[in-house]
Amino acid sequence: MRQIFADANGWIALNSKRDKWQNTAVKTNKELLSKGYRYVTTNFVLDESYTGLLIKVGHFAAVDFGEKVHRAQTVQIIHITEEIEKEAWKLFKQYADKTFSFTDCASFVVMQQLNLQEAFTNDHHFEQMGFAILLK
């Protein structure tokens, strides 16, 4: 099974017509799903996604996305454990020269643990950590 990590920027782009990355996100999503890829995301990323959609599009869009993602057979949601959180905190402290969010750091840890190399996002922070981003 081929997996891609999905970040909040990707989820928001996919679900917001106001997002400048939407066309790219929709096209990339179709290509990935047609090739049998599944998404891996985290509860922290979903938190950011719900809030981003609430602010950019509205409550209905945030709830609609949440309902869809929880029903989707193509999405695996990883819940951040205490162990992942501790590792994310180490990264967060280590990179004082970067503006990685704590959620980004938790995402990096999950990606490393699952040996994932690509992220459905346009967030350059993933590239700074050596991952490929799919929304360019």
N, C-alpha and C. Protein backbone atom coordinates (compact mmCIF):
# COMPACT_ATOMS: atom_id res chain seq x y z
N MET A 1 0.84 -1.18 0.00
CA MET A 1 0.00 0.00 0.00
C MET A 1 0.89 1.25 0.00
N ARG A 2 0.67 2.12 -0.94
CA ARG A 2 1.44 3.35 -1.04
C ARG A 2 0.74 4.45 -0.24
N GLN A 3 1.54 5.19 0.52
CA GLN A 3 0.97 6.21 1.40
C GLN A 3 1.66 7.56 1.19
N ILE A 4 0.87 8.59 1.36
CA ILE A 4 1.33 9.98 1.29
C ILE A 4 0.84 10.67 2.56
N PHE A 5 1.69 11.48 3.16
CA PHE A 5 1.26 12.24 4.34
C PHE A 5 0.46 13.46 3.88
N ALA A 6 -0.68 13.69 4.49
CA ALA A 6 -1.52 14.85 4.16
C ALA A 6 -1.42 15.88 5.28
N ASP A 7 -0.99 17.08 4.90
CA ASP A 7 -0.84 18.21 5.81
C ASP A 7 -2.06 19.12 5.71
N ALA A 8 -2.23 19.99 6.68
CA ALA A 8 -3.37 20.90 6.71
C ALA A 8 -3.43 21.78 5.45
N ASN A 9 -2.30 22.25 4.96
CA ASN A 9 -2.32 23.08 3.75
C ASN A 9 -2.93 22.34 2.57
N GLY A 10 -2.64 21.06 2.47
CA GLY A 10 -3.21 20.24 1.40
C GLY A 10 -4.70 20.04 1.58
N TRP A 11 -5.10 19.69 2.81
CA TRP A 11 -6.54 19.50 3.07
C TRP A 11 -7.33 20.78 2.81
N ILE A 12 -6.79 21.91 3.25
CA ILE A 12 -7.49 23.18 3.06
C ILE A 12 -7.58 23.52 1.58
N ALA A 13 -6.48 23.35 0.86
CA ALA A 13 -6.50 23.63 -0.58
C ALA A 13 -7.52 22.75 -1.29
N LEU A 14 -7.60 21.51 -0.90
CA LEU A 14 -8.52 20.57 -1.53
C LEU A 14 -9.98 20.92 -1.27
N ASN A 15 -10.24 21.60 -0.16
CA ASN A 15 -11.62 21.85 0.28
C ASN A 15 -12.03 23.31 0.29
N SER A 16 -11.23 24.18 -0.28
CA SER A 16 -11.56 25.61 -0.32
C SER A 16 -11.37 26.17 -1.71
N LYS A 17 -12.46 26.56 -2.33
CA LYS A 17 -12.37 27.17 -3.67
C LYS A 17 -11.64 28.51 -3.62
N ARG A 18 -11.52 29.08 -2.45
CA ARG A 18 -10.82 30.36 -2.29
C ARG A 18 -9.31 30.20 -2.21
N ASP A 19 -8.87 28.98 -2.04
CA ASP A 19 -7.43 28.72 -1.88
C ASP A 19 -6.76 28.72 -3.25
N LYS A 20 -5.66 29.43 -3.39
CA LYS A 20 -4.98 29.53 -4.68
C LYS A 20 -4.39 28.21 -5.14
N TRP A 21 -4.26 27.25 -4.25
CA TRP A 21 -3.71 25.95 -4.59
C TRP A 21 -4.79 24.92 -4.92
N GLN A 22 -6.05 25.33 -4.94
CA GLN A 22 -7.11 24.33 -5.09
C GLN A 22 -7.02 23.53 -6.37
N ASN A 23 -6.84 24.16 -7.50
CA ASN A 23 -6.77 23.41 -8.76
C ASN A 23 -5.65 22.37 -8.74
N THR A 24 -4.50 22.76 -8.24
CA THR A 24 -3.38 21.83 -8.13
C THR A 24 -3.71 20.70 -7.17
N ALA A 25 -4.34 21.04 -6.04
CA ALA A 25 -4.68 20.03 -5.04
C ALA A 25 -5.69 19.02 -5.59
N VAL A 26 -6.71 19.51 -6.28
CA VAL A 26 -7.73 18.62 -6.84
C VAL A 26 -7.11 17.69 -7.88
N LYS A 27 -6.30 18.25 -8.76
CA LYS A 27 -5.65 17.44 -9.81
C LYS A 27 -4.71 16.39 -9.19
N THR A 28 -3.89 16.81 -8.25
CA THR A 28 -2.95 15.91 -7.59
C THR A 28 -3.69 14.82 -6.82
N ASN A 29 -4.74 15.19 -6.12
CA ASN A 29 -5.54 14.23 -5.37
C ASN A 29 -6.12 13.16 -6.28
N LYS A 30 -6.68 13.56 -7.41
CA LYS A 30 -7.24 12.60 -8.36
C LYS A 30 -6.17 11.64 -8.86
N GLU A 31 -5.00 12.18 -9.19
CA GLU A 31 -3.90 11.34 -9.67
C GLU A 31 -3.47 10.34 -8.62
N LEU A 32 -3.32 10.80 -7.39
CA LEU A 32 -2.87 9.91 -6.31
C LEU A 32 -3.87 8.80 -6.05
N LEU A 33 -5.14 9.17 -5.96
CA LEU A 33 -6.16 8.16 -5.67
C LEU A 33 -6.29 7.16 -6.82
N SER A 34 -6.15 7.65 -8.06
CA SER A 34 -6.25 6.73 -9.20
C SER A 34 -5.08 5.74 -9.24
N LYS A 35 -3.96 6.11 -8.62
CA LYS A 35 -2.79 5.23 -8.56
C LYS A 35 -2.78 4.36 -7.30
N GLY A 36 -3.86 4.45 -6.51
CA GLY A 36 -3.98 3.59 -5.34
C GLY A 36 -3.34 4.10 -4.07
N TYR A 37 -2.96 5.35 -4.04
CA TYR A 37 -2.38 5.91 -2.82
C TYR A 37 -3.45 6.12 -1.76
N ARG A 38 -3.00 6.04 -0.51
CA ARG A 38 -3.84 6.37 0.64
C ARG A 38 -3.14 7.49 1.40
N TYR A 39 -3.93 8.29 2.09
CA TYR A 39 -3.38 9.38 2.88
C TYR A 39 -3.20 8.95 4.33
N VAL A 40 -2.13 9.47 4.92
CA VAL A 40 -1.90 9.38 6.36
C VAL A 40 -1.91 10.81 6.86
N THR A 41 -2.62 11.05 7.93
CA THR A 41 -2.66 12.37 8.55
C THR A 41 -2.72 12.18 10.05
N THR A 42 -2.73 13.26 10.80
CA THR A 42 -2.80 13.15 12.25
C THR A 42 -3.96 13.96 12.80
N ASN A 43 -4.30 13.67 14.04
CA ASN A 43 -5.34 14.46 14.69
C ASN A 43 -4.89 15.91 14.87
N PHE A 44 -3.60 16.16 15.01
CA PHE A 44 -3.11 17.54 15.10
C PHE A 44 -3.33 18.26 13.76
N VAL A 45 -3.02 17.59 12.67
CA VAL A 45 -3.22 18.17 11.33
C VAL A 45 -4.71 18.45 11.10
N LEU A 46 -5.56 17.52 11.52
CA LEU A 46 -7.00 17.74 11.36
C LEU A 46 -7.46 18.94 12.16
N ASP A 47 -6.93 19.12 13.35
CA ASP A 47 -7.25 20.30 14.16
C ASP A 47 -6.93 21.57 13.37
N GLU A 48 -5.73 21.64 12.80
CA GLU A 48 -5.36 22.81 11.99
C GLU A 48 -6.27 22.97 10.77
N SER A 49 -6.63 21.84 10.17
CA SER A 49 -7.48 21.88 8.97
C SER A 49 -8.87 22.40 9.27
N TYR A 50 -9.47 21.90 10.36
CA TYR A 50 -10.82 22.36 10.74
C TYR A 50 -10.80 23.87 10.99
N THR A 51 -9.80 24.31 11.73
CA THR A 51 -9.71 25.74 12.05
C THR A 51 -9.46 26.58 10.80
N GLY A 52 -8.57 26.11 9.94
CA GLY A 52 -8.29 26.84 8.70
C GLY A 52 -9.52 26.94 7.81
N LEU A 53 -10.24 25.84 7.68
CA LEU A 53 -11.46 25.87 6.86
C LEU A 53 -12.54 26.73 7.50
N LEU A 54 -12.65 26.68 8.80
CA LEU A 54 -13.62 27.53 9.51
C LEU A 54 -13.36 29.01 9.20
N ILE A 55 -12.11 29.40 9.27
CA ILE A 55 -11.74 30.80 9.05
C ILE A 55 -11.87 31.19 7.58
N LYS A 56 -11.40 30.34 6.68
CA LYS A 56 -11.36 30.69 5.26
C LYS A 56 -12.69 30.49 4.54
N VAL A 57 -13.46 29.48 4.95
CA VAL A 57 -14.66 29.12 4.20
C VAL A 57 -15.92 29.18 5.06
N GLY A 58 -15.83 28.71 6.29
CA GLY A 58 -16.98 28.75 7.18
C GLY A 58 -17.18 27.43 7.91
N HIS A 59 -18.09 27.47 8.85
CA HIS A 59 -18.35 26.32 9.72
C HIS A 59 -18.82 25.10 8.93
N PHE A 60 -19.72 25.29 7.99
CA PHE A 60 -20.25 24.16 7.22
C PHE A 60 -19.12 23.41 6.51
N ALA A 61 -18.22 24.15 5.88
CA ALA A 61 -17.12 23.52 5.14
C ALA A 61 -16.20 22.73 6.08
N ALA A 62 -15.95 23.28 7.26
CA ALA A 62 -15.08 22.59 8.23
C ALA A 62 -15.73 21.29 8.69
N VAL A 63 -17.02 21.35 9.01
CA VAL A 63 -17.72 20.15 9.48
C VAL A 63 -17.85 19.14 8.34
N ASP A 64 -18.16 19.61 7.15
CA ASP A 64 -18.29 18.72 5.99
C ASP A 64 -16.98 17.98 5.74
N PHE A 65 -15.87 18.70 5.77
CA PHE A 65 -14.56 18.07 5.60
C PHE A 65 -14.32 17.02 6.69
N GLY A 66 -14.59 17.39 7.94
CA GLY A 66 -14.38 16.46 9.05
C GLY A 66 -15.19 15.18 8.89
N GLU A 67 -16.44 15.33 8.49
CA GLU A 67 -17.28 14.14 8.29
C GLU A 67 -16.73 13.26 7.16
N LYS A 68 -16.32 13.89 6.08
CA LYS A 68 -15.78 13.13 4.93
C LYS A 68 -14.49 12.42 5.28
N VAL A 69 -13.59 13.10 5.95
CA VAL A 69 -12.28 12.51 6.23
C VAL A 69 -12.42 11.34 7.21
N HIS A 70 -13.35 11.43 8.14
CA HIS A 70 -13.54 10.33 9.10
C HIS A 70 -14.22 9.12 8.47
N ARG A 71 -14.96 9.33 7.39
CA ARG A 71 -15.61 8.21 6.68
C ARG A 71 -14.72 7.62 5.58
N ALA A 72 -13.73 8.37 5.15
CA ALA A 72 -12.93 7.98 3.98
C ALA A 72 -12.15 6.70 4.24
N GLN A 73 -12.22 5.80 3.28
CA GLN A 73 -11.45 4.56 3.34
C GLN A 73 -10.00 4.79 2.91
N THR A 74 -9.74 5.97 2.36
CA THR A 74 -8.41 6.27 1.83
C THR A 74 -7.59 7.15 2.78
N VAL A 75 -8.07 7.31 4.01
CA VAL A 75 -7.37 8.16 4.98
C VAL A 75 -7.16 7.39 6.28
N GLN A 76 -5.91 7.37 6.73
CA GLN A 76 -5.58 6.80 8.03
C GLN A 76 -5.22 7.96 8.95
N ILE A 77 -5.90 8.04 10.08
CA ILE A 77 -5.63 9.11 11.05
C ILE A 77 -4.78 8.54 12.18
N ILE A 78 -3.60 9.12 12.34
CA ILE A 78 -2.70 8.75 13.43
C ILE A 78 -2.95 9.72 14.58
N HIS A 79 -3.19 9.18 15.75
CA HIS A 79 -3.36 10.02 16.93
C HIS A 79 -2.01 10.21 17.60
N ILE A 80 -1.69 11.44 17.88
CA ILE A 80 -0.38 11.78 18.45
C ILE A 80 -0.30 11.22 19.87
N THR A 81 0.65 10.33 20.05
CA THR A 81 0.88 9.72 21.36
C THR A 81 1.83 10.58 22.17
N GLU A 82 1.97 10.22 23.42
CA GLU A 82 2.92 10.93 24.27
C GLU A 82 4.34 10.79 23.73
N GLU A 83 4.66 9.61 23.21
CA GLU A 83 6.00 9.37 22.63
C GLU A 83 6.25 10.27 21.43
N ILE A 84 5.28 10.35 20.52
CA ILE A 84 5.43 11.21 19.35
C ILE A 84 5.55 12.66 19.79
N GLU A 85 4.75 13.04 20.76
CA GLU A 85 4.78 14.42 21.25
C GLU A 85 6.15 14.77 21.84
N LYS A 86 6.75 13.84 22.56
CA LYS A 86 8.09 14.09 23.13
C LYS A 86 9.13 14.26 22.02
N GLU A 87 9.05 13.42 20.99
CA GLU A 87 9.98 13.53 19.87
C GLU A 87 9.76 14.84 19.10
N ALA A 88 8.49 15.22 18.95
CA ALA A 88 8.17 16.49 18.28
C ALA A 88 8.72 17.66 19.07
N TRP A 89 8.64 17.58 20.39
CA TRP A 89 9.16 18.66 21.23
C TRP A 89 10.67 18.80 21.05
N LYS A 90 11.36 17.66 20.93
CA LYS A 90 12.81 17.70 20.69
C LYS A 90 13.12 18.43 19.38
N LEU A 91 12.38 18.11 18.33
CA LEU A 91 12.57 18.79 17.04
C LEU A 91 12.26 20.27 17.15
N PHE A 92 11.15 20.58 17.82
CA PHE A 92 10.72 21.97 17.97
C PHE A 92 11.82 22.80 18.65
N LYS A 93 12.43 22.25 19.69
CA LYS A 93 13.51 22.95 20.39
C LYS A 93 14.77 23.02 19.54
N GLN A 94 15.05 21.98 18.79
CA GLN A 94 16.29 21.88 18.02
C GLN A 94 16.38 22.91 16.90
N TYR A 95 15.27 23.21 16.26
CA TYR A 95 15.29 24.07 15.07
C TYR A 95 14.86 25.51 15.39
N ALA A 96 15.65 26.17 16.20
CA ALA A 96 15.35 27.55 16.59
C ALA A 96 15.44 28.50 15.40
N ASP A 97 16.17 28.10 14.37
CA ASP A 97 16.34 28.94 13.19
C ASP A 97 15.20 28.79 12.19
N LYS A 98 14.23 27.91 12.46
CA LYS A 98 13.10 27.67 11.55
C LYS A 98 11.81 28.12 12.23
N THR A 99 10.77 28.23 11.44
CA THR A 99 9.46 28.58 11.99
C THR A 99 8.50 27.39 11.91
N PHE A 100 9.04 26.19 12.19
CA PHE A 100 8.21 25.00 12.20
C PHE A 100 7.17 25.13 13.30
N SER A 101 5.92 24.86 12.97
CA SER A 101 4.91 24.79 14.02
C SER A 101 5.11 23.49 14.79
N PHE A 102 4.52 23.41 15.97
CA PHE A 102 4.62 22.18 16.73
C PHE A 102 3.91 21.05 15.99
N THR A 103 2.82 21.37 15.31
CA THR A 103 2.12 20.36 14.50
C THR A 103 3.03 19.87 13.38
N ASP A 104 3.76 20.76 12.74
CA ASP A 104 4.73 20.34 11.72
C ASP A 104 5.72 19.34 12.31
N CYS A 105 6.24 19.65 13.47
CA CYS A 105 7.23 18.77 14.10
C CYS A 105 6.62 17.39 14.39
N ALA A 106 5.39 17.36 14.86
CA ALA A 106 4.73 16.07 15.10
C ALA A 106 4.54 15.33 13.77
N SER A 107 4.21 16.07 12.72
CA SER A 107 4.05 15.46 11.39
C SER A 107 5.36 14.87 10.91
N PHE A 108 6.47 15.59 11.12
CA PHE A 108 7.78 15.09 10.71
C PHE A 108 8.11 13.77 11.42
N VAL A 109 7.81 13.71 12.71
CA VAL A 109 8.08 12.50 13.48
C VAL A 109 7.27 11.33 12.93
N VAL A 110 5.99 11.56 12.67
CA VAL A 110 5.13 10.50 12.12
C VAL A 110 5.66 10.05 10.77
N MET A 111 6.02 11.01 9.92
CA MET A 111 6.54 10.65 8.60
C MET A 111 7.82 9.83 8.73
N GLN A 112 8.71 10.21 9.63
CA GLN A 112 9.94 9.45 9.84
C GLN A 112 9.64 8.05 10.34
N GLN A 113 8.72 7.94 11.30
CA GLN A 113 8.39 6.63 11.86
C GLN A 113 7.79 5.70 10.81
N LEU A 114 7.00 6.25 9.90
CA LEU A 114 6.34 5.44 8.86
C LEU A 114 7.15 5.37 7.57
N ASN A 115 8.32 6.01 7.58
CA ASN A 115 9.19 6.04 6.41
C ASN A 115 8.48 6.63 5.18
N LEU A 116 7.74 7.72 5.39
CA LEU A 116 7.06 8.41 4.31
C LEU A 116 7.96 9.53 3.82
N GLN A 117 8.03 9.70 2.50
CA GLN A 117 8.93 10.69 1.92
C GLN A 117 8.21 11.87 1.26
N GLU A 118 6.90 11.74 1.04
CA GLU A 118 6.16 12.77 0.31
C GLU A 118 4.98 13.27 1.13
N ALA A 119 4.70 14.56 0.97
CA ALA A 119 3.59 15.17 1.68
C ALA A 119 2.68 15.91 0.71
N PHE A 120 1.39 15.73 0.91
CA PHE A 120 0.35 16.44 0.16
C PHE A 120 0.20 17.80 0.83
N THR A 121 1.05 18.73 0.40
CA THR A 121 1.11 20.07 0.98
C THR A 121 1.90 20.99 0.06
N ASN A 122 1.83 22.26 0.35
CA ASN A 122 2.69 23.25 -0.30
C ASN A 122 3.61 23.90 0.73
N ASP A 123 3.63 23.38 1.93
CA ASP A 123 4.39 23.94 3.03
C ASP A 123 5.88 23.62 2.86
N HIS A 124 6.68 24.67 2.62
CA HIS A 124 8.11 24.49 2.38
C HIS A 124 8.86 23.93 3.59
N HIS A 125 8.26 23.97 4.77
CA HIS A 125 8.92 23.41 5.94
C HIS A 125 9.19 21.91 5.77
N PHE A 126 8.29 21.24 5.05
CA PHE A 126 8.50 19.81 4.80
C PHE A 126 9.75 19.60 3.93
N GLU A 127 9.95 20.48 2.96
CA GLU A 127 11.17 20.40 2.13
C GLU A 127 12.41 20.67 2.98
N GLN A 128 12.30 21.61 3.90
CA GLN A 128 13.44 21.92 4.76
C GLN A 128 13.86 20.72 5.60
N MET A 129 12.92 19.82 5.86
CA MET A 129 13.23 18.60 6.63
C MET A 129 13.56 17.42 5.70
N GLY A 130 13.64 17.68 4.40
CA GLY A 130 14.07 16.64 3.46
C GLY A 130 12.95 15.84 2.81
N PHE A 131 11.71 16.25 3.01
CA PHE A 131 10.58 15.56 2.40
C PHE A 131 10.20 16.26 1.09
N ALA A 132 9.58 15.53 0.20
CA ALA A 132 9.08 16.11 -1.06
C ALA A 132 7.66 16.62 -0.83
N ILE A 133 7.37 17.80 -1.38
CA ILE A 133 6.00 18.32 -1.31
C ILE A 133 5.37 18.17 -2.70
N LEU A 134 4.10 17.82 -2.71
CA LEU A 134 3.43 17.51 -3.97
C LEU A 134 2.65 18.67 -4.55
N LEU A 135 2.43 19.73 -3.79
CA LEU A 135 1.70 20.88 -4.31
C LEU A 135 2.71 22.00 -4.57
N LYS A 136 3.08 22.11 -5.85
CA LYS A 136 4.06 23.15 -6.26
C LYS A 136 3.49 23.97 -7.38
